[in-house]
PDB file of N, CA and C in Angstrom:
ATOM      1  N   MET A   1       0.919  -1.286  -0.189  1.00  0.00           N
ATOM      2  CA  MET A   1      -0.049  -0.133   0.009  1.00  0.00           C
ATOM      3  C   MET A   1       1.102   1.772  -0.601  1.00  0.00           C
ATOM      4  N   PRO A   2       1.544   1.048  -0.789  1.00  0.00           N
ATOM      5  CA  PRO A   2       2.534   2.926  -0.671  1.00  0.00           C
ATOM      6  C   PRO A   2       2.230   3.465  -1.526  1.00  0.00           C
ATOM      7  N   PHE A   3       2.682   5.426  -1.420  1.00  0.00           N
ATOM      8  CA  PHE A   3       2.180   5.867  -1.703  1.00  0.00           C
ATOM      9  C   PHE A   3       2.894   6.986  -1.820  1.00  0.00           C
ATOM     10  N   ILE A   4       3.450   7.555  -2.913  1.00  0.00           N
ATOM     11  CA  ILE A   4       4.524   8.636  -3.224  1.00  0.00           C
ATOM     12  C   ILE A   4       3.991   9.954  -3.737  1.00  0.00           C
ATOM     13  N   ASP A   5       3.832  11.131  -3.028  1.00  0.00           N
ATOM     14  CA  ASP A   5       4.010  11.590  -3.230  1.00  0.00           C
ATOM     15  C   ASP A   5       4.664  13.263  -3.517  1.00  0.00           C
ATOM     16  N   SER A   6       4.205  13.636  -4.109  1.00  0.00           N
ATOM     17  CA  SER A   6       5.518  14.808  -5.088  1.00  0.00           C
ATOM     18  C   SER A   6       5.393  16.137  -5.440  1.00  0.00           C
ATOM     19  N   LYS A   7       5.615  17.223  -5.086  1.00  0.00           N
ATOM     20  CA  LYS A   7       5.382  18.520  -4.695  1.00  0.00           C
ATOM     21  C   LYS A   7       7.123  18.970  -5.313  1.00  0.00           C
ATOM     22  N   VAL A   8       6.605  19.350  -7.146  1.00  0.00           N
ATOM     23  CA  VAL A   8       8.327  20.042  -7.273  1.00  0.00           C
ATOM     24  C   VAL A   8       7.839  21.804  -7.689  1.00  0.00           C
ATOM     25  N   SER A   9       8.921  22.327  -7.894  1.00  0.00           N
ATOM     26  CA  SER A   9       8.840  23.632  -7.934  1.00  0.00           C
ATOM     27  C   SER A   9       8.944  24.115  -9.867  1.00  0.00           C
ATOM     28  N   ILE A  10       8.227  23.076  -9.779  1.00  0.00           N
ATOM     29  CA  ILE A  10       9.086  23.146 -12.082  1.00  0.00           C
ATOM     30  C   ILE A  10       7.322  22.222 -12.645  1.00  0.00           C
ATOM     31  N   LYS A  11       7.477  22.414 -13.625  1.00  0.00           N
ATOM     32  CA  LYS A  11       6.648  21.840 -14.754  1.00  0.00           C
ATOM     33  C   LYS A  11       6.983  20.824 -14.812  1.00  0.00           C
ATOM     34  N   ILE A  12       6.218  20.059 -15.120  1.00  0.00           N
ATOM     35  CA  ILE A  12       6.712  18.591 -15.406  1.00  0.00           C
ATOM     36  C   ILE A  12       5.382  18.031 -16.479  1.00  0.00           C
ATOM     37  N   THR A  13       6.414  17.579 -17.571  1.00  0.00           N
ATOM     38  CA  THR A  13       5.872  17.461 -19.020  1.00  0.00           C
ATOM     39  C   THR A  13       4.850  16.431 -18.699  1.00  0.00           C
ATOM     40  N   GLU A  14       3.917  15.400 -19.410  1.00  0.00           N
ATOM     41  CA  GLU A  14       3.079  14.619 -19.489  1.00  0.00           C
ATOM     42  C   GLU A  14       3.952  13.125 -19.868  1.00  0.00           C
ATOM     43  N   GLU A  15       5.545  13.120 -20.534  1.00  0.00           N
ATOM     44  CA  GLU A  15       6.292  12.712 -20.667  1.00  0.00           C
ATOM     45  C   GLU A  15       7.479  12.545 -19.635  1.00  0.00           C
ATOM     46  N   GLN A  16       7.860  13.153 -18.436  1.00  0.00           N
ATOM     47  CA  GLN A  16       8.849  13.384 -17.349  1.00  0.00           C
ATOM     48  C   GLN A  16       7.426  12.484 -16.465  1.00  0.00           C
ATOM     49  N   GLU A  17       6.537  12.569 -16.218  1.00  0.00           N
ATOM     50  CA  GLU A  17       5.449  12.039 -15.163  1.00  0.00           C
ATOM     51  C   GLU A  17       5.093  10.943 -15.739  1.00  0.00           C
ATOM     52  N   LYS A  18       5.384  10.211 -16.915  1.00  0.00           N
ATOM     53  CA  LYS A  18       4.963   9.301 -17.336  1.00  0.00           C
ATOM     54  C   LYS A  18       6.414   8.088 -16.417  1.00  0.00           C
ATOM     55  N   GLU A  19       7.616   8.836 -16.649  1.00  0.00           N
ATOM     56  CA  GLU A  19       9.003   8.454 -16.684  1.00  0.00           C
ATOM     57  C   GLU A  19       9.115   7.984 -15.161  1.00  0.00           C
ATOM     58  N   LEU A  20       8.678   9.270 -14.147  1.00  0.00           N
ATOM     59  CA  LEU A  20       8.606   9.690 -12.872  1.00  0.00           C
ATOM     60  C   LEU A  20       7.724   8.390 -12.612  1.00  0.00           C
ATOM     61  N   LYS A  21       6.520   8.447 -12.861  1.00  0.00           N
ATOM     62  CA  LYS A  21       5.431   7.075 -12.576  1.00  0.00           C
ATOM     63  C   LYS A  21       6.359   5.798 -12.782  1.00  0.00           C
ATOM     64  N   THR A  22       6.509   5.112 -14.045  1.00  0.00           N
ATOM     65  CA  THR A  22       7.164   3.881 -14.764  1.00  0.00           C
ATOM     66  C   THR A  22       8.528   3.681 -13.461  1.00  0.00           C
ATOM     67  N   ARG A  23       9.516   4.788 -13.467  1.00  0.00           N
ATOM     68  CA  ARG A  23      10.339   4.379 -12.445  1.00  0.00           C
ATOM     69  C   ARG A  23      10.194   4.524 -10.738  1.00  0.00           C
ATOM     70  N   LEU A  24       9.495   5.185 -10.735  1.00  0.00           N
ATOM     71  CA  LEU A  24       9.446   4.863  -9.590  1.00  0.00           C
ATOM     72  C   LEU A  24       8.188   3.818  -8.865  1.00  0.00           C
ATOM     73  N   GLY A  25       7.636   3.095 -10.283  1.00  0.00           N
ATOM     74  CA  GLY A  25       7.214   2.020  -9.734  1.00  0.00           C
ATOM     75  C   GLY A  25       8.402   0.839 -10.029  1.00  0.00           C
ATOM     76  N   GLN A  26       9.242   0.818 -10.440  1.00  0.00           N
ATOM     77  CA  GLN A  26      10.635  -0.512  -9.963  1.00  0.00           C
ATOM     78  C   GLN A  26      10.746   0.097  -8.606  1.00  0.00           C
ATOM     79  N   ALA A  27      11.427   1.434  -8.182  1.00  0.00           N
ATOM     80  CA  ALA A  27      12.383   2.070  -7.607  1.00  0.00           C
ATOM     81  C   ALA A  27      11.039   0.853  -5.712  1.00  0.00           C
ATOM     82  N   ILE A  28      10.333   1.047  -5.810  1.00  0.00           N
ATOM     83  CA  ILE A  28       9.254   0.417  -4.726  1.00  0.00           C
ATOM     84  C   ILE A  28       9.438  -0.765  -4.289  1.00  0.00           C
ATOM     85  N   SER A  29      10.465  -1.406  -4.418  1.00  0.00           N
ATOM     86  CA  SER A  29      10.109  -2.903  -4.719  1.00  0.00           C
ATOM     87  C   SER A  29      11.802  -3.454  -4.104  1.00  0.00           C
ATOM     88  N   LEU A  30      12.293  -1.750  -3.677  1.00  0.00           N
ATOM     89  CA  LEU A  30      13.833  -1.392  -3.044  1.00  0.00           C
ATOM     90  C   LEU A  30      12.762  -1.674  -1.278  1.00  0.00           C
ATOM     91  N   ILE A  31      11.503  -1.718  -0.848  1.00  0.00           N
ATOM     92  CA  ILE A  31      11.507  -1.584  -0.150  1.00  0.00           C
ATOM     93  C   ILE A  31      10.819  -3.313   0.274  1.00  0.00           C
ATOM     94  N   PRO A  32      11.117  -4.529   0.895  1.00  0.00           N
ATOM     95  CA  PRO A  32      10.596  -5.789   1.329  1.00  0.00           C
ATOM     96  C   PRO A  32       8.604  -5.162   1.099  1.00  0.00           C
ATOM     97  N   GLY A  33       8.383  -6.323   0.449  1.00  0.00           N
ATOM     98  CA  GLY A  33       6.969  -6.358   0.253  1.00  0.00           C
ATOM     99  C   GLY A  33       6.248  -5.272  -0.643  1.00  0.00           C
ATOM    100  N   LYS A  34       6.397  -4.851  -1.075  1.00  0.00           N
ATOM    101  CA  LYS A  34       6.022  -2.808  -1.161  1.00  0.00           C
ATOM    102  C   LYS A  34       6.490  -3.281  -3.595  1.00  0.00           C
ATOM    103  N   SER A  35       5.233  -3.415  -3.698  1.00  0.00           N
ATOM    104  CA  SER A  35       5.060  -3.491  -5.409  1.00  0.00           C
ATOM    105  C   SER A  35       4.412  -2.427  -5.985  1.00  0.00           C
ATOM    106  N   GLU A  36       5.348  -2.249  -7.484  1.00  0.00           N
ATOM    107  CA  GLU A  36       3.480  -1.342  -8.435  1.00  0.00           C
ATOM    108  C   GLU A  36       2.548  -1.869  -7.948  1.00  0.00           C
ATOM    109  N   ASN A  37       2.233  -3.483  -8.298  1.00  0.00           N
ATOM    110  CA  ASN A  37       0.877  -3.690  -8.234  1.00  0.00           C
ATOM    111  C   ASN A  37      -0.125  -2.956  -7.394  1.00  0.00           C
ATOM    112  N   TRP A  38       0.700  -2.440  -6.021  1.00  0.00           N
ATOM    113  CA  TRP A  38      -0.301  -1.595  -5.348  1.00  0.00           C
ATOM    114  C   TRP A  38       0.575  -0.216  -5.015  1.00  0.00           C
ATOM    115  N   LEU A  39       1.055   0.377  -5.636  1.00  0.00           N
ATOM    116  CA  LEU A  39       1.785   1.785  -5.725  1.00  0.00           C
ATOM    117  C   LEU A  39       0.882   2.253  -5.981  1.00  0.00           C
ATOM    118  N   MET A  40       0.408   4.332  -5.230  1.00  0.00           N
ATOM    119  CA  MET A  40      -0.404   4.562  -5.686  1.00  0.00           C
ATOM    120  C   MET A  40       0.525   6.067  -5.744  1.00  0.00           C
ATOM    121  N   THR A  41       0.872   6.755  -6.887  1.00  0.00           N
ATOM    122  CA  THR A  41       2.007   8.130  -7.040  1.00  0.00           C
ATOM    123  C   THR A  41       0.382   9.525  -7.052  1.00  0.00           C
ATOM    124  N   GLY A  42       1.237  10.917  -6.833  1.00  0.00           N
ATOM    125  CA  GLY A  42       0.956  11.773  -6.560  1.00  0.00           C
ATOM    126  C   GLY A  42       1.475  12.932  -7.209  1.00  0.00           C
ATOM    127  N   PHE A  43       1.460  13.810  -8.451  1.00  0.00           N
ATOM    128  CA  PHE A  43       2.849  15.027  -8.694  1.00  0.00           C
ATOM    129  C   PHE A  43       1.754  16.592  -8.809  1.00  0.00           C
ATOM    130  N   GLU A  44       2.731  17.109  -7.883  1.00  0.00           N
ATOM    131  CA  GLU A  44       1.682  18.686  -8.031  1.00  0.00           C
ATOM    132  C   GLU A  44       3.549  19.291  -8.644  1.00  0.00           C
ATOM    133  N   ASP A  45       2.965  19.690  -9.557  1.00  0.00           N
ATOM    134  CA  ASP A  45       4.438  20.659 -10.300  1.00  0.00           C
ATOM    135  C   ASP A  45       3.973  22.179 -10.315  1.00  0.00           C
ATOM    136  N   ASN A  46       4.758  22.454 -10.539  1.00  0.00           N
ATOM    137  CA  ASN A  46       4.596  24.493 -10.227  1.00  0.00           C
ATOM    138  C   ASN A  46       3.806  24.484  -8.725  1.00  0.00           C
ATOM    139  N   TYR A  47       5.032  23.761  -8.230  1.00  0.00           N
ATOM    140  CA  TYR A  47       3.843  24.404  -6.627  1.00  0.00           C
ATOM    141  C   TYR A  47       5.110  25.330  -6.187  1.00  0.00           C
ATOM    142  N   HIS A  48       4.503  26.252  -5.039  1.00  0.00           N
ATOM    143  CA  HIS A  48       5.951  27.069  -4.564  1.00  0.00           C
ATOM    144  C   HIS A  48       6.213  27.013  -3.684  1.00  0.00           C
ATOM    145  N   LEU A  49       6.656  26.336  -4.148  1.00  0.00           N
ATOM    146  CA  LEU A  49       9.103  25.728  -2.609  1.00  0.00           C
ATOM    147  C   LEU A  49       9.841  26.761  -2.557  1.00  0.00           C
ATOM    148  N   TYR A  50      10.530  26.480  -1.653  1.00  0.00           N
ATOM    149  CA  TYR A  50      11.351  27.670  -1.376  1.00  0.00           C
ATOM    150  C   TYR A  50      12.207  27.129  -0.346  1.00  0.00           C
ATOM    151  N   PHE A  51      13.780  27.294  -0.932  1.00  0.00           N
ATOM    152  CA  PHE A  51      14.576  26.658   0.299  1.00  0.00           C
ATOM    153  C   PHE A  51      15.709  27.333   0.376  1.00  0.00           C
ATOM    154  N   ARG A  52      16.184  27.478   1.748  1.00  0.00           N
ATOM    155  CA  ARG A  52      17.602  28.246   1.895  1.00  0.00           C
ATOM    156  C   ARG A  52      16.734  29.947   1.868  1.00  0.00           C
ATOM    157  N   GLY A  53      15.579  30.112   1.962  1.00  0.00           N
ATOM    158  CA  GLY A  53      14.896  31.163   1.371  1.00  0.00           C
ATOM    159  C   GLY A  53      15.176  31.803   0.335  1.00  0.00           C
ATOM    160  N   ASP A  54      15.047  30.815  -1.014  1.00  0.00           N
ATOM    161  CA  ASP A  54      15.537  30.807  -2.465  1.00  0.00           C
ATOM    162  C   ASP A  54      14.522  30.634  -3.683  1.00  0.00           C
ATOM    163  N   ASN A  55      14.226  30.233  -4.658  1.00  0.00           N
ATOM    164  CA  ASN A  55      13.169  29.459  -5.617  1.00  0.00           C
ATOM    165  C   ASN A  55      13.494  29.409  -6.898  1.00  0.00           C
ATOM    166  N   SER A  56      15.108  29.420  -6.658  1.00  0.00           N
ATOM    167  CA  SER A  56      15.800  30.103  -8.438  1.00  0.00           C
ATOM    168  C   SER A  56      15.920  29.044  -8.692  1.00  0.00           C
ATOM    169  N   GLU A  57      16.052  28.038  -7.771  1.00  0.00           N
ATOM    170  CA  GLU A  57      16.929  26.227  -9.041  1.00  0.00           C
ATOM    171  C   GLU A  57      15.324  25.349  -8.216  1.00  0.00           C
ATOM    172  N   PRO A  58      15.617  24.265  -9.517  1.00  0.00           N
ATOM    173  CA  PRO A  58      14.337  23.665  -9.068  1.00  0.00           C
ATOM    174  C   PRO A  58      13.919  22.989  -7.996  1.00  0.00           C
ATOM    175  N   ILE A  59      12.700  22.535  -7.128  1.00  0.00           N
ATOM    176  CA  ILE A  59      12.790  22.290  -5.588  1.00  0.00           C
ATOM    177  C   ILE A  59      11.744  20.621  -5.806  1.00  0.00           C
ATOM    178  N   ALA A  60      11.983  19.747  -4.920  1.00  0.00           N
ATOM    179  CA  ALA A  60      11.195  18.958  -4.403  1.00  0.00           C
ATOM    180  C   ALA A  60      11.272  18.517  -3.071  1.00  0.00           C
ATOM    181  N   TYR A  61       9.913  17.906  -2.746  1.00  0.00           N
ATOM    182  CA  TYR A  61       9.574  17.771  -1.366  1.00  0.00           C
ATOM    183  C   TYR A  61       8.827  16.344  -1.796  1.00  0.00           C
ATOM    184  N   ILE A  62       9.336  14.860  -1.913  1.00  0.00           N
ATOM    185  CA  ILE A  62       8.813  13.859  -2.087  1.00  0.00           C
ATOM    186  C   ILE A  62       8.210  13.411  -0.337  1.00  0.00           C
ATOM    187  N   GLU A  63       6.888  12.548  -0.565  1.00  0.00           N
ATOM    188  CA  GLU A  63       6.558  11.897   0.780  1.00  0.00           C
ATOM    189  C   GLU A  63       6.619  10.334   0.246  1.00  0.00           C
ATOM    190  N   VAL A  64       6.853   9.539   0.454  1.00  0.00           N
ATOM    191  CA  VAL A  64       6.827   8.423   1.096  1.00  0.00           C
ATOM    192  C   VAL A  64       6.122   7.520   2.170  1.00  0.00           C
ATOM    193  N   ARG A  65       4.631   7.557   1.534  1.00  0.00           N
ATOM    194  CA  ARG A  65       3.929   6.765   2.857  1.00  0.00           C
ATOM    195  C   ARG A  65       3.402   5.232   2.661  1.00  0.00           C
ATOM    196  N   ILE A  66       3.660   4.247   3.648  1.00  0.00           N
ATOM    197  CA  ILE A  66       4.057   2.703   3.578  1.00  0.00           C
ATOM    198  C   ILE A  66       2.544   2.087   4.613  1.00  0.00           C
ATOM    199  N   PHE A  67       2.497   1.047   4.163  1.00  0.00           N
ATOM    200  CA  PHE A  67       1.572   0.698   5.654  1.00  0.00           C
ATOM    201  C   PHE A  67       2.829  -0.588   5.550  1.00  0.00           C
ATOM    202  N   GLY A  68       2.611  -0.605   6.890  1.00  0.00           N
ATOM    203  CA  GLY A  68       4.206  -0.990   8.005  1.00  0.00           C
ATOM    204  C   GLY A  68       4.433  -0.420   8.763  1.00  0.00           C
ATOM    205  N   GLY A  69       5.462  -1.513   9.485  1.00  0.00           N
ATOM    206  CA  GLY A  69       6.652  -0.908   9.865  1.00  0.00           C
ATOM    207  C   GLY A  69       7.878   0.125   9.105  1.00  0.00           C
ATOM    208  N   PRO A  70       8.525   0.841   9.827  1.00  0.00           N
ATOM    209  CA  PRO A  70       9.796   1.839   9.341  1.00  0.00           C
ATOM    210  C   PRO A  70      10.781   0.025   9.223  1.00  0.00           C
ATOM    211  N   ASN A  71      11.452   0.807   7.948  1.00  0.00           N
ATOM    212  CA  ASN A  71      12.485  -0.129   7.356  1.00  0.00           C
ATOM    213  C   ASN A  71      14.046   0.809   6.973  1.00  0.00           C
ATOM    214  N   LYS A  72      14.761   1.240   8.373  1.00  0.00           N
ATOM    215  CA  LYS A  72      15.677   2.108   7.958  1.00  0.00           C
ATOM    216  C   LYS A  72      16.725   1.567   6.886  1.00  0.00           C
ATOM    217  N   ALA A  73      16.773   0.976   6.656  1.00  0.00           N
ATOM    218  CA  ALA A  73      18.140   0.327   5.427  1.00  0.00           C
ATOM    219  C   ALA A  73      17.299   0.885   3.824  1.00  0.00           C
ATOM    220  N   ALA A  74      16.231  -0.104   4.134  1.00  0.00           N
ATOM    221  CA  ALA A  74      15.391  -0.162   2.804  1.00  0.00           C
ATOM    222  C   ALA A  74      14.943   2.014   2.486  1.00  0.00           C
ATOM    223  N   PHE A  75      14.926   2.024   3.481  1.00  0.00           N
ATOM    224  CA  PHE A  75      14.603   3.766   3.399  1.00  0.00           C
ATOM    225  C   PHE A  75      15.544   4.457   1.967  1.00  0.00           C
ATOM    226  N   GLN A  76      16.744   4.435   3.262  1.00  0.00           N
ATOM    227  CA  GLN A  76      18.368   4.810   2.314  1.00  0.00           C
ATOM    228  C   GLN A  76      18.041   4.434   0.828  1.00  0.00           C
ATOM    229  N   LYS A  77      17.889   2.923   0.602  1.00  0.00           N
ATOM    230  CA  LYS A  77      18.492   2.393  -0.563  1.00  0.00           C
ATOM    231  C   LYS A  77      17.311   3.531  -1.611  1.00  0.00           C
ATOM    232  N   MET A  78      15.580   3.358  -0.951  1.00  0.00           N
ATOM    233  CA  MET A  78      14.992   4.523  -2.292  1.00  0.00           C
ATOM    234  C   MET A  78      15.362   5.738  -2.247  1.00  0.00           C
ATOM    235  N   THR A  79      15.878   6.615  -0.936  1.00  0.00           N
ATOM    236  CA  THR A  79      16.487   7.856  -1.034  1.00  0.00           C
ATOM    237  C   THR A  79      17.439   7.572  -2.060  1.00  0.00           C
ATOM    238  N   GLU A  80      18.587   7.099  -1.703  1.00  0.00           N
ATOM    239  CA  GLU A  80      19.537   7.529  -3.383  1.00  0.00           C
ATOM    240  C   GLU A  80      18.546   6.900  -4.361  1.00  0.00           C
ATOM    241  N   GLU A  81      17.811   5.983  -4.608  1.00  0.00           N
ATOM    242  CA  GLU A  81      17.588   5.893  -5.958  1.00  0.00           C
ATOM    243  C   GLU A  81      16.308   7.228  -6.146  1.00  0.00           C
ATOM    244  N   ILE A  82      15.360   7.954  -5.268  1.00  0.00           N
ATOM    245  CA  ILE A  82      14.545   8.858  -5.394  1.00  0.00           C
ATOM    246  C   ILE A  82      15.134   9.971  -6.176  1.00  0.00           C
ATOM    247  N   THR A  83      16.094  10.296  -5.449  1.00  0.00           N
ATOM    248  CA  THR A  83      17.088  11.554  -5.408  1.00  0.00           C
ATOM    249  C   THR A  83      17.758  11.130  -7.554  1.00  0.00           C
ATOM    250  N   LYS A  84      17.626   9.709  -7.321  1.00  0.00           N
ATOM    251  CA  LYS A  84      18.260   9.834  -8.930  1.00  0.00           C
ATOM    252  C   LYS A  84      17.052   9.515  -9.999  1.00  0.00           C
ATOM    253  N   ILE A  85      16.712   9.172  -9.758  1.00  0.00           N
ATOM    254  CA  ILE A  85      14.843   9.383 -10.047  1.00  0.00           C
ATOM    255  C   ILE A  85      14.664  10.393 -10.863  1.00  0.00           C
ATOM    256  N   TYR A  86      15.068  11.379  -9.829  1.00  0.00           N
ATOM    257  CA  TYR A  86      14.289  13.236  -9.813  1.00  0.00           C
ATOM    258  C   TYR A  86      15.063  13.750 -10.645  1.00  0.00           C
ATOM    259  N   GLY A  87      16.685  13.772  -9.866  1.00  0.00           N
ATOM    260  CA  GLY A  87      18.500  14.409 -10.775  1.00  0.00           C
ATOM    261  C   GLY A  87      17.908  13.530 -11.951  1.00  0.00           C
ATOM    262  N   ASP A  88      16.984  12.960 -12.552  1.00  0.00           N
ATOM    263  CA  ASP A  88      17.271  12.913 -14.256  1.00  0.00           C
ATOM    264  C   ASP A  88      16.397  12.332 -14.790  1.00  0.00           C
ATOM    265  N   VAL A  89      15.318  12.666 -14.360  1.00  0.00           N
ATOM    266  CA  VAL A  89      14.139  13.290 -14.451  1.00  0.00           C
ATOM    267  C   VAL A  89      14.137  14.535 -14.984  1.00  0.00           C
ATOM    268  N   LEU A  90      14.090  15.404 -13.710  1.00  0.00           N
ATOM    269  CA  LEU A  90      13.460  16.706 -13.838  1.00  0.00           C
ATOM    270  C   LEU A  90      14.822  18.282 -13.606  1.00  0.00           C
ATOM    271  N   GLY A  91      15.950  16.915 -13.309  1.00  0.00           N
ATOM    272  CA  GLY A  91      17.350  17.609 -13.257  1.00  0.00           C
ATOM    273  C   GLY A  91      17.040  18.745 -11.938  1.00  0.00           C
ATOM    274  N   ILE A  92      16.871  17.752 -10.916  1.00  0.00           N
ATOM    275  CA  ILE A  92      16.592  18.499  -9.272  1.00  0.00           C
ATOM    276  C   ILE A  92      17.715  17.998  -8.052  1.00  0.00           C
ATOM    277  N   ALA A  93      18.755  18.944  -8.770  1.00  0.00           N
ATOM    278  CA  ALA A  93      19.580  18.047  -7.845  1.00  0.00           C
ATOM    279  C   ALA A  93      19.757  17.714  -6.076  1.00  0.00           C
ATOM    280  N   PRO A  94      20.710  17.225  -6.107  1.00  0.00           N
ATOM    281  CA  PRO A  94      19.961  15.996  -4.579  1.00  0.00           C
ATOM    282  C   PRO A  94      19.808  16.989  -3.347  1.00  0.00           C
ATOM    283  N   ASP A  95      20.636  18.164  -4.028  1.00  0.00           N
ATOM    284  CA  ASP A  95      21.021  19.398  -2.417  1.00  0.00           C
ATOM    285  C   ASP A  95      19.582  20.293  -2.266  1.00  0.00           C
ATOM    286  N   HIS A  96      18.343  19.964  -3.222  1.00  0.00           N
ATOM    287  CA  HIS A  96      17.488  21.060  -3.178  1.00  0.00           C
ATOM    288  C   HIS A  96      16.470  19.876  -3.210  1.00  0.00           C
ATOM    289  N   MET A  97      15.772  17.932  -2.437  1.00  0.00           N
ATOM    290  CA  MET A  97      15.105  17.521  -2.015  1.00  0.00           C
ATOM    291  C   MET A  97      14.895  17.474  -0.814  1.00  0.00           C
ATOM    292  N   TYR A  98      13.528  17.280  -0.357  1.00  0.00           N
ATOM    293  CA  TYR A  98      13.584  16.612   1.106  1.00  0.00           C
ATOM    294  C   TYR A  98      12.835  15.652   0.665  1.00  0.00           C
ATOM    295  N   ILE A  99      12.675  13.866   1.661  1.00  0.00           N
ATOM    296  CA  ILE A  99      12.612  12.862   1.320  1.00  0.00           C
ATOM    297  C   ILE A  99      11.469  12.416   2.964  1.00  0.00           C
ATOM    298  N   LYS A 100      10.860  12.647   2.386  1.00  0.00           N
ATOM    299  CA  LYS A 100       9.659  12.339   4.301  1.00  0.00           C
ATOM    300  C   LYS A 100       9.088  10.723   4.094  1.00  0.00           C
ATOM    301  N   TYR A 101       9.614   9.549   5.180  1.00  0.00           N
ATOM    302  CA  TYR A 101       8.911   8.617   4.584  1.00  0.00           C
ATOM    303  C   TYR A 101       7.922   8.537   5.714  1.00  0.00           C
ATOM    304  N   SER A 102       6.734   7.373   6.169  1.00  0.00           N
ATOM    305  CA  SER A 102       5.932   7.110   7.144  1.00  0.00           C
ATOM    306  C   SER A 102       5.124   5.934   6.829  1.00  0.00           C
ATOM    307  N   ALA A 103       5.180   5.705   7.774  1.00  0.00           N
ATOM    308  CA  ALA A 103       4.909   4.165   8.100  1.00  0.00           C
ATOM    309  C   ALA A 103       3.914   3.619   9.063  1.00  0.00           C
ATOM    310  N   THR A 104       2.573   2.946   8.779  1.00  0.00           N
ATOM    311  CA  THR A 104       1.747   3.246   9.702  1.00  0.00           C
ATOM    312  C   THR A 104       1.079   2.055   9.661  1.00  0.00           C
ATOM    313  N   PRO A 105       0.856   1.422  10.734  1.00  0.00           N
ATOM    314  CA  PRO A 105      -0.210   0.128  11.155  1.00  0.00           C
ATOM    315  C   PRO A 105      -1.161   0.063  10.448  1.00  0.00           C
ATOM    316  N   ASP A 106      -2.086   0.961  10.326  1.00  0.00           N
ATOM    317  CA  ASP A 106      -3.802   1.551   9.227  1.00  0.00           C
ATOM    318  C   ASP A 106      -3.632   2.035   8.284  1.00  0.00           C
ATOM    319  N   TRP A 107      -4.087   0.844   7.403  1.00  0.00           N
ATOM    320  CA  TRP A 107      -4.450   1.395   6.643  1.00  0.00           C
ATOM    321  C   TRP A 107      -5.043   0.815   5.626  1.00  0.00           C
ATOM    322  N   GLY A 108      -6.464   2.154   4.892  1.00  0.00           N
ATOM    323  CA  GLY A 108      -7.896   1.894   3.920  1.00  0.00           C
ATOM    324  C   GLY A 108      -7.765   1.489   3.073  1.00  0.00           C
ATOM    325  N   TRP A 109      -8.253   0.038   2.291  1.00  0.00           N
ATOM    326  CA  TRP A 109      -8.808   0.044   1.250  1.00  0.00           C
ATOM    327  C   TRP A 109     -10.226  -0.336   1.113  1.00  0.00           C
ATOM    328  N   ASN A 110     -10.563  -0.483  -0.313  1.00  0.00           N
ATOM    329  CA  ASN A 110     -12.097  -1.184  -1.321  1.00  0.00           C
ATOM    330  C   ASN A 110     -13.057  -1.592   0.167  1.00  0.00           C
ATOM    331  N   GLY A 111     -13.317  -0.735   1.319  1.00  0.00           N
ATOM    332  CA  GLY A 111     -14.274  -0.251   1.930  1.00  0.00           C
ATOM    333  C   GLY A 111     -13.263  -0.637   3.131  1.00  0.00           C
ATOM    334  N   GLY A 112     -12.666  -1.204   3.446  1.00  0.00           N
ATOM    335  CA  GLY A 112     -12.312  -1.470   4.875  1.00  0.00           C
ATOM    336  C   GLY A 112     -10.797  -1.229   5.332  1.00  0.00           C
ATOM    337  N   ASN A 113     -10.439  -1.473   6.745  1.00  0.00           N
ATOM    338  CA  ASN A 113      -8.704  -1.894   7.051  1.00  0.00           C
ATOM    339  C   ASN A 113      -8.428  -2.560   7.100  1.00  0.00           C
ATOM    340  N   PHE A 114      -7.013  -3.387   6.178  1.00  0.00           N
ATOM    341  CA  PHE A 114      -5.345  -4.192   6.845  1.00  0.00           C
ATOM    342  C   PHE A 114      -5.463  -3.874   8.147  1.00  0.00           C
TER     343      PHE A 114
END
């Protein structure tokens, strides 16, 4: 039940969004038990982000939410991969991204909870 939500300060083209979705779908398997089959993604472009009081360079805030408990080693691998993906696709520098992880034992789907 992972959800990856992205807010970026630049415009995302349809082609870039598809590439992000595809590569995030591959990357989510770095977290044990997670797969693209259950992955939901969200993209919000042209978001008003400032980092260090400045918005002259591309910036990203990315949240990875999962059902289950935290896995620091897997999250580290995901951070490395997400940083690479957003750098490759959108040209966002690693030091202009924040990536937040949230794990929860409560997740609803299809009218019920897991």
